[in-house]
PDB file of all heavy atoms in Angstrom:
ATOM      1  N   LEU A   1       0.847  -1.184   0.000  1.00  0.00           N
ATOM      2  CA  LEU A   1       0.000   0.000   0.000  1.00  0.00           C
ATOM      3  C   LEU A   1       0.883   1.234   0.000  1.00  0.00           C
ATOM      4  O   LEU A   1       2.060   1.176   0.331  1.00  0.00           O
ATOM      5  CB  LEU A   1      -0.983   0.009   1.193  1.00  0.00           C
ATOM      6  CG  LEU A   1      -0.445  -0.045   2.614  1.00  0.00           C
ATOM      7  CD1 LEU A   1       0.093   1.288   3.073  1.00  0.00           C
ATOM      8  CD2 LEU A   1      -1.576  -0.461   3.533  1.00  0.00           C
ATOM      9  N   ASP A   2       0.300   2.315  -0.414  1.00  0.00           N
ATOM     10  CA  ASP A   2       1.002   3.593  -0.489  1.00  0.00           C
ATOM     11  C   ASP A   2       0.612   4.435   0.721  1.00  0.00           C
ATOM     12  O   ASP A   2      -0.561   4.789   0.869  1.00  0.00           O
ATOM     13  CB  ASP A   2       0.610   4.300  -1.787  1.00  0.00           C
ATOM     14  CG  ASP A   2       1.249   5.667  -1.953  1.00  0.00           C
ATOM     15  OD1 ASP A   2       2.023   6.095  -1.070  1.00  0.00           O
ATOM     16  OD2 ASP A   2       0.962   6.315  -2.976  1.00  0.00           O
ATOM     17  N   PRO A   3       1.567   4.760   1.595  1.00  0.00           N
ATOM     18  CA  PRO A   3       1.209   5.538   2.777  1.00  0.00           C
ATOM     19  C   PRO A   3       0.701   6.943   2.460  1.00  0.00           C
ATOM     20  O   PRO A   3       0.052   7.567   3.298  1.00  0.00           O
ATOM     21  CB  PRO A   3       2.501   5.588   3.593  1.00  0.00           C
ATOM     22  CG  PRO A   3       3.581   5.279   2.627  1.00  0.00           C
ATOM     23  CD  PRO A   3       2.978   4.429   1.553  1.00  0.00           C
ATOM     24  N   THR A   4       0.960   7.424   1.237  1.00  0.00           N
ATOM     25  CA  THR A   4       0.464   8.747   0.856  1.00  0.00           C
ATOM     26  C   THR A   4      -0.932   8.678   0.226  1.00  0.00           C
ATOM     27  O   THR A   4      -1.493   9.714  -0.124  1.00  0.00           O
ATOM     28  CB  THR A   4       1.424   9.457  -0.113  1.00  0.00           C
ATOM     29  OG1 THR A   4       1.474   8.728  -1.341  1.00  0.00           O
ATOM     30  CG2 THR A   4       2.821   9.584   0.488  1.00  0.00           C
ATOM     31  N   GLU A   5      -1.467   7.455   0.102  1.00  0.00           N
ATOM     32  CA  GLU A   5      -2.823   7.293  -0.435  1.00  0.00           C
ATOM     33  C   GLU A   5      -3.792   8.144   0.388  1.00  0.00           C
ATOM     34  O   GLU A   5      -3.739   8.175   1.601  1.00  0.00           O
ATOM     35  CB  GLU A   5      -3.246   5.827  -0.346  1.00  0.00           C
ATOM     36  CG  GLU A   5      -4.666   5.561  -0.788  1.00  0.00           C
ATOM     37  CD  GLU A   5      -5.065   4.110  -0.549  1.00  0.00           C
ATOM     38  OE1 GLU A   5      -4.212   3.211  -0.638  1.00  0.00           O
ATOM     39  OE2 GLU A   5      -6.260   3.882  -0.253  1.00  0.00           O
ATOM     40  N   ARG A   6      -4.658   8.871  -0.312  1.00  0.00           N
ATOM     41  CA  ARG A   6      -5.623   9.756   0.346  1.00  0.00           C
ATOM     42  C   ARG A   6      -6.933   9.002   0.563  1.00  0.00           C
ATOM     43  O   ARG A   6      -7.382   8.260  -0.299  1.00  0.00           O
ATOM     44  CB  ARG A   6      -5.888  10.989  -0.515  1.00  0.00           C
ATOM     45  CG  ARG A   6      -4.655  11.693  -1.050  1.00  0.00           C
ATOM     46  CD  ARG A   6      -3.885  12.479  -0.071  1.00  0.00           C
ATOM     47  NE  ARG A   6      -4.637  13.628   0.416  1.00  0.00           N
ATOM     48  CZ  ARG A   6      -4.190  14.427   1.356  1.00  0.00           C
ATOM     49  NH1 ARG A   6      -3.016  14.232   1.891  1.00  0.00           N
ATOM     50  NH2 ARG A   6      -4.900  15.442   1.767  1.00  0.00           N
ATOM     51  N   VAL A   7      -7.498   9.206   1.731  1.00  0.00           N
ATOM     52  CA  VAL A   7      -8.818   8.654   2.051  1.00  0.00           C
ATOM     53  C   VAL A   7      -9.699   9.804   2.532  1.00  0.00           C
ATOM     54  O   VAL A   7      -9.204  10.799   3.058  1.00  0.00           O
ATOM     55  CB  VAL A   7      -8.751   7.538   3.116  1.00  0.00           C
ATOM     56  CG1 VAL A   7      -8.018   6.315   2.597  1.00  0.00           C
ATOM     57  CG2 VAL A   7      -8.116   8.031   4.401  1.00  0.00           C
ATOM     58  N   VAL A   8     -10.986   9.654   2.328  1.00  0.00           N
ATOM     59  CA  VAL A   8     -11.935  10.636   2.834  1.00  0.00           C
ATOM     60  C   VAL A   8     -12.667   9.993   4.012  1.00  0.00           C
ATOM     61  O   VAL A   8     -13.209   8.895   3.890  1.00  0.00           O
ATOM     62  CB  VAL A   8     -12.939  11.072   1.747  1.00  0.00           C
ATOM     63  CG1 VAL A   8     -13.977  12.024   2.323  1.00  0.00           C
ATOM     64  CG2 VAL A   8     -12.192  11.730   0.584  1.00  0.00           C
ATOM     65  N   VAL A   9     -12.626  10.667   5.139  1.00  0.00           N
ATOM     66  CA  VAL A   9     -13.281  10.184   6.355  1.00  0.00           C
ATOM     67  C   VAL A   9     -14.431  11.141   6.662  1.00  0.00           C
ATOM     68  O   VAL A   9     -14.218  12.337   6.855  1.00  0.00           O
ATOM     69  CB  VAL A   9     -12.294  10.132   7.544  1.00  0.00           C
ATOM     70  CG1 VAL A   9     -12.977   9.582   8.785  1.00  0.00           C
ATOM     71  CG2 VAL A   9     -11.057   9.311   7.185  1.00  0.00           C
ATOM     72  N   SER A  10     -15.644  10.596   6.676  1.00  0.00           N
ATOM     73  CA  SER A  10     -16.814  11.443   6.926  1.00  0.00           C
ATOM     74  C   SER A  10     -17.179  11.400   8.406  1.00  0.00           C
ATOM     75  O   SER A  10     -16.864  10.436   9.104  1.00  0.00           O
ATOM     76  CB  SER A  10     -17.989  10.989   6.070  1.00  0.00           C
ATOM     77  OG  SER A  10     -18.574   9.843   6.634  1.00  0.00           O
ATOM     78  N   PRO A  11     -17.870  12.420   8.889  1.00  0.00           N
ATOM     79  CA  PRO A  11     -18.322  12.419  10.284  1.00  0.00           C
ATOM     80  C   PRO A  11     -19.194  11.205  10.620  1.00  0.00           C
ATOM     81  O   PRO A  11     -19.214  10.767  11.762  1.00  0.00           O
ATOM     82  CB  PRO A  11     -19.107  13.724  10.413  1.00  0.00           C
ATOM     83  CG  PRO A  11     -18.517  14.612   9.384  1.00  0.00           C
ATOM     84  CD  PRO A  11     -18.172  13.698   8.228  1.00  0.00           C
ATOM     85  N   ALA A  12     -19.862  10.643   9.613  1.00  0.00           N
ATOM     86  CA  ALA A  12     -20.696   9.463   9.849  1.00  0.00           C
ATOM     87  C   ALA A  12     -19.874   8.252  10.263  1.00  0.00           C
ATOM     88  O   ALA A  12     -20.401   7.306  10.839  1.00  0.00           O
ATOM     89  CB  ALA A  12     -21.510   9.142   8.597  1.00  0.00           C
ATOM     90  N   GLU A  13     -18.579   8.266   9.969  1.00  0.00           N
ATOM     91  CA  GLU A  13     -17.692   7.160  10.329  1.00  0.00           C
ATOM     92  C   GLU A  13     -17.083   7.325  11.714  1.00  0.00           C
ATOM     93  O   GLU A  13     -16.321   6.473  12.157  1.00  0.00           O
ATOM     94  CB  GLU A  13     -16.545   7.051   9.319  1.00  0.00           C
ATOM     95  CG  GLU A  13     -16.960   6.749   7.915  1.00  0.00           C
ATOM     96  CD  GLU A  13     -15.778   6.795   6.965  1.00  0.00           C
ATOM     97  OE1 GLU A  13     -14.949   5.857   7.011  1.00  0.00           O
ATOM     98  OE2 GLU A  13     -15.679   7.767   6.197  1.00  0.00           O
ATOM     99  N   ALA A  14     -17.396   8.406  12.396  1.00  0.00           N
ATOM    100  CA  ALA A  14     -16.756   8.716  13.675  1.00  0.00           C
ATOM    101  C   ALA A  14     -17.046   7.651  14.718  1.00  0.00           C
ATOM    102  O   ALA A  14     -18.153   7.144  14.827  1.00  0.00           O
ATOM    103  CB  ALA A  14     -17.230  10.074  14.182  1.00  0.00           C
ATOM    104  N   SER A  15     -16.010   7.321  15.463  1.00  0.00           N
ATOM    105  CA  SER A  15     -16.120   6.404  16.598  1.00  0.00           C
ATOM    106  C   SER A  15     -15.952   7.204  17.873  1.00  0.00           C
ATOM    107  O   SER A  15     -15.440   8.313  17.862  1.00  0.00           O
ATOM    108  CB  SER A  15     -15.012   5.349  16.532  1.00  0.00           C
ATOM    109  OG  SER A  15     -15.202   4.501  15.442  1.00  0.00           O
ATOM    110  N   LEU A  16     -16.332   6.603  18.955  1.00  0.00           N
ATOM    111  CA  LEU A  16     -16.168   7.228  20.249  1.00  0.00           C
ATOM    112  C   LEU A  16     -14.711   7.627  20.453  1.00  0.00           C
ATOM    113  O   LEU A  16     -13.806   6.901  20.114  1.00  0.00           O
ATOM    114  CB  LEU A  16     -16.579   6.240  21.339  1.00  0.00           C
ATOM    115  CG  LEU A  16     -16.359   6.706  22.765  1.00  0.00           C
ATOM    116  CD1 LEU A  16     -17.318   7.840  23.087  1.00  0.00           C
ATOM    117  CD2 LEU A  16     -16.525   5.555  23.718  1.00  0.00           C
ATOM    118  N   GLY A  17     -14.507   8.770  21.004  1.00  0.00           N
ATOM    119  CA  GLY A  17     -13.165   9.268  21.297  1.00  0.00           C
ATOM    120  C   GLY A  17     -13.222  10.777  21.273  1.00  0.00           C
ATOM    121  O   GLY A  17     -13.930  11.358  20.458  1.00  0.00           O
ATOM    122  N   GLY A  18     -12.507  11.427  22.138  1.00  0.00           N
ATOM    123  CA  GLY A  18     -12.647  12.864  22.282  1.00  0.00           C
ATOM    124  C   GLY A  18     -11.744  13.709  21.434  1.00  0.00           C
ATOM    125  O   GLY A  18     -11.714  14.921  21.585  1.00  0.00           O
ATOM    126  N   GLN A  19     -10.978  13.131  20.526  1.00  0.00           N
ATOM    127  CA  GLN A  19     -10.035  13.912  19.745  1.00  0.00           C
ATOM    128  C   GLN A  19      -9.892  13.320  18.343  1.00  0.00           C
ATOM    129  O   GLN A  19     -10.350  12.239  18.089  1.00  0.00           O
ATOM    130  CB  GLN A  19      -8.663  13.934  20.430  1.00  0.00           C
ATOM    131  CG  GLN A  19      -7.967  12.590  20.498  1.00  0.00           C
ATOM    132  CD  GLN A  19      -8.514  11.653  21.551  1.00  0.00           C
ATOM    133  OE1 GLN A  19      -9.056  12.100  22.540  1.00  0.00           O
ATOM    134  NE2 GLN A  19      -8.405  10.367  21.347  1.00  0.00           N
ATOM    135  N   GLY A  20      -9.242  14.095  17.489  1.00  0.00           N
ATOM    136  CA  GLY A  20      -8.946  13.596  16.151  1.00  0.00           C
ATOM    137  C   GLY A  20     -10.128  13.665  15.209  1.00  0.00           C
ATOM    138  O   GLY A  20     -10.921  14.608  15.224  1.00  0.00           O
ATOM    139  N   LEU A  21     -10.242  12.639  14.383  1.00  0.00           N
ATOM    140  CA  LEU A  21     -11.226  12.626  13.308  1.00  0.00           C
ATOM    141  C   LEU A  21     -12.669  12.543  13.794  1.00  0.00           C
ATOM    142  O   LEU A  21     -13.583  12.840  13.040  1.00  0.00           O
ATOM    143  CB  LEU A  21     -10.924  11.471  12.354  1.00  0.00           C
ATOM    144  CG  LEU A  21      -9.591  11.577  11.616  1.00  0.00           C
ATOM    145  CD1 LEU A  21      -9.274  10.283  10.877  1.00  0.00           C
ATOM    146  CD2 LEU A  21      -9.591  12.767  10.669  1.00  0.00           C
ATOM    147  N   CYS A  22     -12.892  12.197  15.052  1.00  0.00           N
ATOM    148  CA  CYS A  22     -14.266  12.071  15.542  1.00  0.00           C
ATOM    149  C   CYS A  22     -14.915  13.422  15.809  1.00  0.00           C
ATOM    150  O   CYS A  22     -16.122  13.496  15.999  1.00  0.00           O
ATOM    151  CB  CYS A  22     -14.313  11.220  16.805  1.00  0.00           C
ATOM    152  SG  CYS A  22     -13.679  12.042  18.265  1.00  0.00           S
ATOM    153  N   ILE A  23     -14.147  14.491  15.824  1.00  0.00           N
ATOM    154  CA  ILE A  23     -14.734  15.791  16.145  1.00  0.00           C
ATOM    155  C   ILE A  23     -14.988  16.652  14.914  1.00  0.00           C
ATOM    156  O   ILE A  23     -15.454  17.773  15.037  1.00  0.00           O
ATOM    157  CB  ILE A  23     -13.870  16.572  17.159  1.00  0.00           C
ATOM    158  CG1 ILE A  23     -12.503  16.916  16.575  1.00  0.00           C
ATOM    159  CG2 ILE A  23     -13.747  15.806  18.462  1.00  0.00           C
ATOM    160  CD1 ILE A  23     -11.690  17.864  17.435  1.00  0.00           C
ATOM    161  N   THR A  24     -14.718  16.118  13.727  1.00  0.00           N
ATOM    162  CA  THR A  24     -14.913  16.914  12.524  1.00  0.00           C
ATOM    163  C   THR A  24     -16.396  17.021  12.190  1.00  0.00           C
ATOM    164  O   THR A  24     -17.177  16.107  12.451  1.00  0.00           O
ATOM    165  CB  THR A  24     -14.151  16.333  11.319  1.00  0.00           C
ATOM    166  OG1 THR A  24     -14.685  15.051  11.004  1.00  0.00           O
ATOM    167  CG2 THR A  24     -12.668  16.225  11.611  1.00  0.00           C
ATOM    168  N   GLU A  25     -16.764  18.125  11.627  1.00  0.00           N
ATOM    169  CA  GLU A  25     -18.143  18.355  11.196  1.00  0.00           C
ATOM    170  C   GLU A  25     -18.308  18.101   9.700  1.00  0.00           C
ATOM    171  O   GLU A  25     -19.424  17.977   9.211  1.00  0.00           O
ATOM    172  CB  GLU A  25     -18.555  19.802  11.503  1.00  0.00           C
ATOM    173  CG  GLU A  25     -18.519  20.150  12.978  1.00  0.00           C
ATOM    174  CD  GLU A  25     -19.642  19.504  13.782  1.00  0.00           C
ATOM    175  OE1 GLU A  25     -20.691  19.191  13.191  1.00  0.00           O
ATOM    176  OE2 GLU A  25     -19.454  19.317  14.986  1.00  0.00           O
ATOM    177  N   ASP A  26     -17.193  18.052   8.978  1.00  0.00           N
ATOM    178  CA  ASP A  26     -17.206  17.873   7.532  1.00  0.00           C
ATOM    179  C   ASP A  26     -16.278  16.726   7.162  1.00  0.00           C
ATOM    180  O   ASP A  26     -15.364  16.389   7.925  1.00  0.00           O
ATOM    181  CB  ASP A  26     -16.720  19.156   6.836  1.00  0.00           C
ATOM    182  CG  ASP A  26     -17.579  20.352   7.207  1.00  0.00           C
ATOM    183  OD1 ASP A  26     -18.792  20.293   6.970  1.00  0.00           O
ATOM    184  OD2 ASP A  26     -17.024  21.324   7.753  1.00  0.00           O
TER     185      ASP A  26
END
């Protein structure tokens, strides 16, 4: 795999946790 591969993470994918990708609105 390519570590520079881009992924899109949506707020609908958020898991419990108080920081990082779970707090995004977009």
